[in-house]
């Protein structure tokens, strides 16, 4: 299970890094790109929480931690569902 949590964190790091690269490569925000930025805000939850400009490293770390916490929740629920020994209420 620990390996899966690390994979979740790595995915969060890669997602934030991908959006950072995309933002650096795009010339400017247009009306057409607004729906794409909505997707970026959903996949990087730190941008929804913080209205302040953040350091790239802080965003990468925060997104990795967020995805690791989501992964921990998902993996625990998955383990609970697949393990018949756990008492269900």
N, C-alpha and C. Protein backbone atom coordinates (compact mmCIF):
# COMPACT_ATOMS: atom_id res chain seq x y z
N UNK A 1 0.82 -1.19 0.00
CA UNK A 1 0.00 0.00 0.00
C UNK A 1 0.87 1.26 0.00
N UNK A 2 2.04 1.19 0.63
CA UNK A 2 2.92 2.35 0.67
C UNK A 2 3.37 2.74 -0.74
N UNK A 3 3.63 1.73 -1.56
CA UNK A 3 4.06 2.02 -2.93
C UNK A 3 2.96 2.74 -3.71
N UNK A 4 1.73 2.38 -3.46
CA UNK A 4 0.62 3.04 -4.15
C UNK A 4 0.47 4.49 -3.71
N UNK A 5 0.70 4.76 -2.45
CA UNK A 5 0.63 6.13 -1.96
C UNK A 5 1.74 6.97 -2.60
N UNK A 6 2.92 6.39 -2.72
CA UNK A 6 4.03 7.08 -3.39
C UNK A 6 3.68 7.35 -4.85
N UNK A 7 3.02 6.42 -5.50
CA UNK A 7 2.60 6.61 -6.89
C UNK A 7 1.59 7.75 -6.98
N UNK A 8 0.64 7.80 -6.05
CA UNK A 8 -0.34 8.89 -6.03
C UNK A 8 0.38 10.24 -5.87
N UNK A 9 1.36 10.30 -4.97
CA UNK A 9 2.11 11.54 -4.77
C UNK A 9 2.90 11.92 -6.01
N UNK A 10 3.49 10.94 -6.67
CA UNK A 10 4.25 11.21 -7.89
C UNK A 10 3.33 11.73 -9.00
N UNK A 11 2.14 11.17 -9.09
CA UNK A 11 1.18 11.66 -10.09
C UNK A 11 0.81 13.11 -9.80
N UNK A 12 0.59 13.44 -8.55
CA UNK A 12 0.28 14.82 -8.19
C UNK A 12 1.41 15.77 -8.54
N UNK A 13 2.64 15.34 -8.30
CA UNK A 13 3.81 16.14 -8.65
C UNK A 13 3.91 16.33 -10.16
N UNK A 14 3.68 15.28 -10.91
CA UNK A 14 3.76 15.34 -12.37
C UNK A 14 2.65 16.21 -12.95
N UNK A 15 1.45 16.10 -12.40
CA UNK A 15 0.33 16.92 -12.88
C UNK A 15 0.64 18.40 -12.68
N UNK A 16 1.10 18.76 -11.49
CA UNK A 16 1.42 20.17 -11.23
C UNK A 16 2.58 20.63 -12.11
N UNK A 17 3.57 19.78 -12.30
CA UNK A 17 4.68 20.13 -13.17
C UNK A 17 4.26 20.30 -14.62
N UNK A 18 3.34 19.46 -15.05
CA UNK A 18 2.83 19.58 -16.42
C UNK A 18 2.08 20.88 -16.63
N UNK A 19 1.27 21.27 -15.66
CA UNK A 19 0.55 22.54 -15.78
C UNK A 19 1.52 23.72 -15.72
N UNK A 20 2.57 23.60 -14.93
CA UNK A 20 3.57 24.68 -14.87
C UNK A 20 4.28 24.83 -16.21
N UNK A 21 4.63 23.71 -16.83
CA UNK A 21 5.26 23.76 -18.15
C UNK A 21 4.30 24.33 -19.19
N UNK A 22 3.05 23.94 -19.12
CA UNK A 22 2.07 24.45 -20.07
C UNK A 22 1.87 25.95 -19.90
N UNK A 23 1.80 26.40 -18.66
CA UNK A 23 1.61 27.83 -18.40
C UNK A 23 2.82 28.64 -18.88
N UNK A 24 3.99 28.06 -18.74
CA UNK A 24 5.19 28.77 -19.19
C UNK A 24 5.26 28.81 -20.72
N UNK A 25 4.73 27.81 -21.38
CA UNK A 25 4.80 27.74 -22.83
C UNK A 25 3.69 28.51 -23.53
N UNK A 26 2.56 28.70 -22.86
CA UNK A 26 1.44 29.41 -23.49
C UNK A 26 1.70 30.92 -23.44
N UNK A 27 1.44 31.62 -24.54
CA UNK A 27 1.77 33.05 -24.58
C UNK A 27 0.90 33.90 -23.64
N UNK A 28 -0.39 33.70 -23.65
CA UNK A 28 -1.29 34.45 -22.78
C UNK A 28 -2.63 33.75 -22.74
N UNK A 29 -3.42 34.07 -21.72
CA UNK A 29 -4.72 33.44 -21.55
C UNK A 29 -5.74 34.09 -22.48
N UNK A 30 -6.45 33.29 -23.21
CA UNK A 30 -7.52 33.78 -24.07
C UNK A 30 -8.84 33.23 -23.59
N UNK A 31 -9.91 33.70 -24.17
CA UNK A 31 -11.25 33.24 -23.80
C UNK A 31 -11.38 31.75 -24.10
N UNK A 32 -10.77 31.30 -25.19
CA UNK A 32 -10.88 29.91 -25.59
C UNK A 32 -10.20 28.98 -24.59
N UNK A 33 -9.17 29.47 -23.91
CA UNK A 33 -8.42 28.64 -22.99
C UNK A 33 -9.02 28.62 -21.58
N UNK A 34 -10.10 29.35 -21.35
CA UNK A 34 -10.66 29.43 -20.01
C UNK A 34 -11.12 28.07 -19.49
N UNK A 35 -11.72 27.24 -20.33
CA UNK A 35 -12.15 25.91 -19.88
C UNK A 35 -10.95 25.03 -19.55
N UNK A 36 -9.84 25.24 -20.23
CA UNK A 36 -8.64 24.48 -19.93
C UNK A 36 -8.08 24.88 -18.56
N UNK A 37 -8.14 26.15 -18.22
CA UNK A 37 -7.66 26.59 -16.91
C UNK A 37 -8.57 26.11 -15.79
N UNK A 38 -9.84 25.91 -16.08
CA UNK A 38 -10.73 25.32 -15.08
C UNK A 38 -10.27 23.90 -14.76
N UNK A 39 -9.89 23.15 -15.79
CA UNK A 39 -9.35 21.80 -15.58
C UNK A 39 -8.06 21.85 -14.77
N UNK A 40 -7.23 22.83 -15.05
CA UNK A 40 -5.98 22.97 -14.29
C UNK A 40 -6.27 23.26 -12.82
N UNK A 41 -7.25 24.09 -12.55
CA UNK A 41 -7.58 24.41 -11.15
C UNK A 41 -8.16 23.21 -10.41
N UNK A 42 -8.88 22.36 -11.12
CA UNK A 42 -9.45 21.18 -10.48
C UNK A 42 -8.37 20.13 -10.20
N UNK A 43 -7.42 19.97 -11.12
CA UNK A 43 -6.38 18.97 -10.92
C UNK A 43 -5.26 19.45 -10.01
N UNK A 44 -5.19 20.73 -9.72
CA UNK A 44 -4.24 21.29 -8.74
C UNK A 44 -5.04 22.01 -7.67
N UNK A 45 -5.51 21.29 -6.66
CA UNK A 45 -6.39 21.89 -5.65
C UNK A 45 -5.77 23.06 -4.88
N UNK A 46 -4.47 23.15 -4.80
CA UNK A 46 -3.85 24.27 -4.07
C UNK A 46 -4.20 25.59 -4.73
N UNK A 47 -4.43 25.61 -6.03
CA UNK A 47 -4.80 26.85 -6.71
C UNK A 47 -6.21 27.29 -6.33
N UNK A 48 -7.06 26.35 -5.96
CA UNK A 48 -8.40 26.72 -5.51
C UNK A 48 -8.38 27.28 -4.10
N UNK A 49 -7.51 26.75 -3.27
CA UNK A 49 -7.45 27.15 -1.87
C UNK A 49 -6.75 28.50 -1.71
N UNK A 50 -5.65 28.66 -2.39
CA UNK A 50 -4.85 29.86 -2.22
C UNK A 50 -5.13 30.86 -3.33
N UNK A 51 -5.44 32.07 -2.96
CA UNK A 51 -5.64 33.12 -3.95
C UNK A 51 -4.36 33.91 -4.18
N UNK A 52 -3.32 33.56 -3.44
CA UNK A 52 -2.05 34.26 -3.55
C UNK A 52 -1.14 33.59 -4.57
N UNK A 53 -0.25 34.35 -5.19
CA UNK A 53 0.74 33.71 -6.06
C UNK A 53 1.71 32.88 -5.22
N UNK A 54 1.94 31.67 -5.67
CA UNK A 54 2.79 30.76 -4.91
C UNK A 54 4.04 30.41 -5.70
N UNK A 55 5.07 30.04 -4.98
CA UNK A 55 6.30 29.55 -5.57
C UNK A 55 6.03 28.22 -6.27
N UNK A 56 6.72 27.96 -7.37
CA UNK A 56 6.52 26.72 -8.11
C UNK A 56 6.78 25.50 -7.24
N UNK A 57 7.83 25.56 -6.44
CA UNK A 57 8.17 24.43 -5.58
C UNK A 57 7.09 24.18 -4.52
N UNK A 58 6.49 25.24 -4.03
CA UNK A 58 5.41 25.08 -3.05
C UNK A 58 4.20 24.43 -3.69
N UNK A 59 3.89 24.81 -4.93
CA UNK A 59 2.76 24.20 -5.64
C UNK A 59 3.02 22.73 -5.92
N UNK A 60 4.24 22.41 -6.36
CA UNK A 60 4.58 21.01 -6.63
C UNK A 60 4.47 20.16 -5.37
N UNK A 61 5.00 20.68 -4.27
CA UNK A 61 4.95 19.95 -3.01
C UNK A 61 3.52 19.82 -2.50
N UNK A 62 2.77 20.92 -2.54
CA UNK A 62 1.39 20.88 -2.05
C UNK A 62 0.53 19.94 -2.87
N UNK A 63 0.72 19.93 -4.19
CA UNK A 63 -0.07 19.03 -5.03
C UNK A 63 0.31 17.57 -4.77
N UNK A 64 1.60 17.31 -4.57
CA UNK A 64 2.02 15.94 -4.26
C UNK A 64 1.42 15.47 -2.93
N UNK A 65 1.42 16.34 -1.94
CA UNK A 65 0.84 15.99 -0.63
C UNK A 65 -0.67 15.80 -0.75
N UNK A 66 -1.33 16.66 -1.51
CA UNK A 66 -2.78 16.54 -1.69
C UNK A 66 -3.13 15.22 -2.36
N UNK A 67 -2.41 14.88 -3.42
CA UNK A 67 -2.68 13.62 -4.11
C UNK A 67 -2.34 12.42 -3.23
N UNK A 68 -1.30 12.53 -2.40
CA UNK A 68 -0.97 11.43 -1.47
C UNK A 68 -2.09 11.23 -0.46
N UNK A 69 -2.66 12.32 0.05
CA UNK A 69 -3.78 12.19 0.99
C UNK A 69 -5.02 11.60 0.32
N UNK A 70 -5.29 12.02 -0.90
CA UNK A 70 -6.41 11.43 -1.64
C UNK A 70 -6.14 9.95 -1.88
N UNK A 71 -4.90 9.63 -2.24
CA UNK A 71 -4.52 8.23 -2.46
C UNK A 71 -4.65 7.40 -1.19
N UNK A 72 -4.27 7.97 -0.06
CA UNK A 72 -4.41 7.27 1.21
C UNK A 72 -5.87 6.96 1.50
N UNK A 73 -6.73 7.91 1.27
CA UNK A 73 -8.17 7.70 1.47
C UNK A 73 -8.70 6.63 0.52
N UNK A 74 -8.36 6.73 -0.75
CA UNK A 74 -8.84 5.76 -1.75
C UNK A 74 -8.32 4.37 -1.46
N UNK A 75 -7.05 4.26 -1.13
CA UNK A 75 -6.47 2.94 -0.87
C UNK A 75 -7.04 2.32 0.40
N UNK A 76 -7.30 3.12 1.42
CA UNK A 76 -7.93 2.58 2.63
C UNK A 76 -9.35 2.11 2.36
N UNK A 77 -10.09 2.88 1.59
CA UNK A 77 -11.45 2.45 1.23
C UNK A 77 -11.41 1.18 0.38
N UNK A 78 -10.45 1.12 -0.52
CA UNK A 78 -10.31 -0.06 -1.37
C UNK A 78 -9.95 -1.29 -0.56
N UNK A 79 -9.03 -1.13 0.39
CA UNK A 79 -8.63 -2.24 1.25
C UNK A 79 -9.79 -2.69 2.13
N UNK A 80 -10.53 -1.72 2.64
CA UNK A 80 -11.68 -2.04 3.49
C UNK A 80 -12.74 -2.81 2.70
N UNK A 81 -12.94 -2.44 1.45
CA UNK A 81 -13.95 -3.11 0.63
C UNK A 81 -13.52 -4.52 0.25
N UNK A 82 -12.23 -4.73 0.01
CA UNK A 82 -11.74 -6.02 -0.46
C UNK A 82 -11.39 -7.00 0.65
N UNK A 83 -11.32 -6.56 1.90
CA UNK A 83 -10.94 -7.43 3.00
C UNK A 83 -12.20 -7.92 3.72
N UNK A 84 -12.51 -9.21 3.63
CA UNK A 84 -13.73 -9.71 4.28
C UNK A 84 -13.63 -9.79 5.80
N UNK A 85 -12.42 -9.70 6.39
CA UNK A 85 -12.26 -9.81 7.83
C UNK A 85 -12.68 -8.55 8.58
N UNK A 86 -12.69 -7.44 7.88
CA UNK A 86 -13.03 -6.17 8.54
C UNK A 86 -14.53 -6.14 8.79
N UNK A 87 -14.89 -5.81 10.04
CA UNK A 87 -16.30 -5.76 10.41
C UNK A 87 -16.97 -4.54 9.76
N UNK A 88 -18.07 -4.78 9.12
CA UNK A 88 -18.81 -3.68 8.50
C UNK A 88 -20.02 -3.34 9.36
N UNK A 89 -20.27 -2.06 9.47
CA UNK A 89 -21.37 -1.59 10.29
C UNK A 89 -22.65 -1.56 9.51
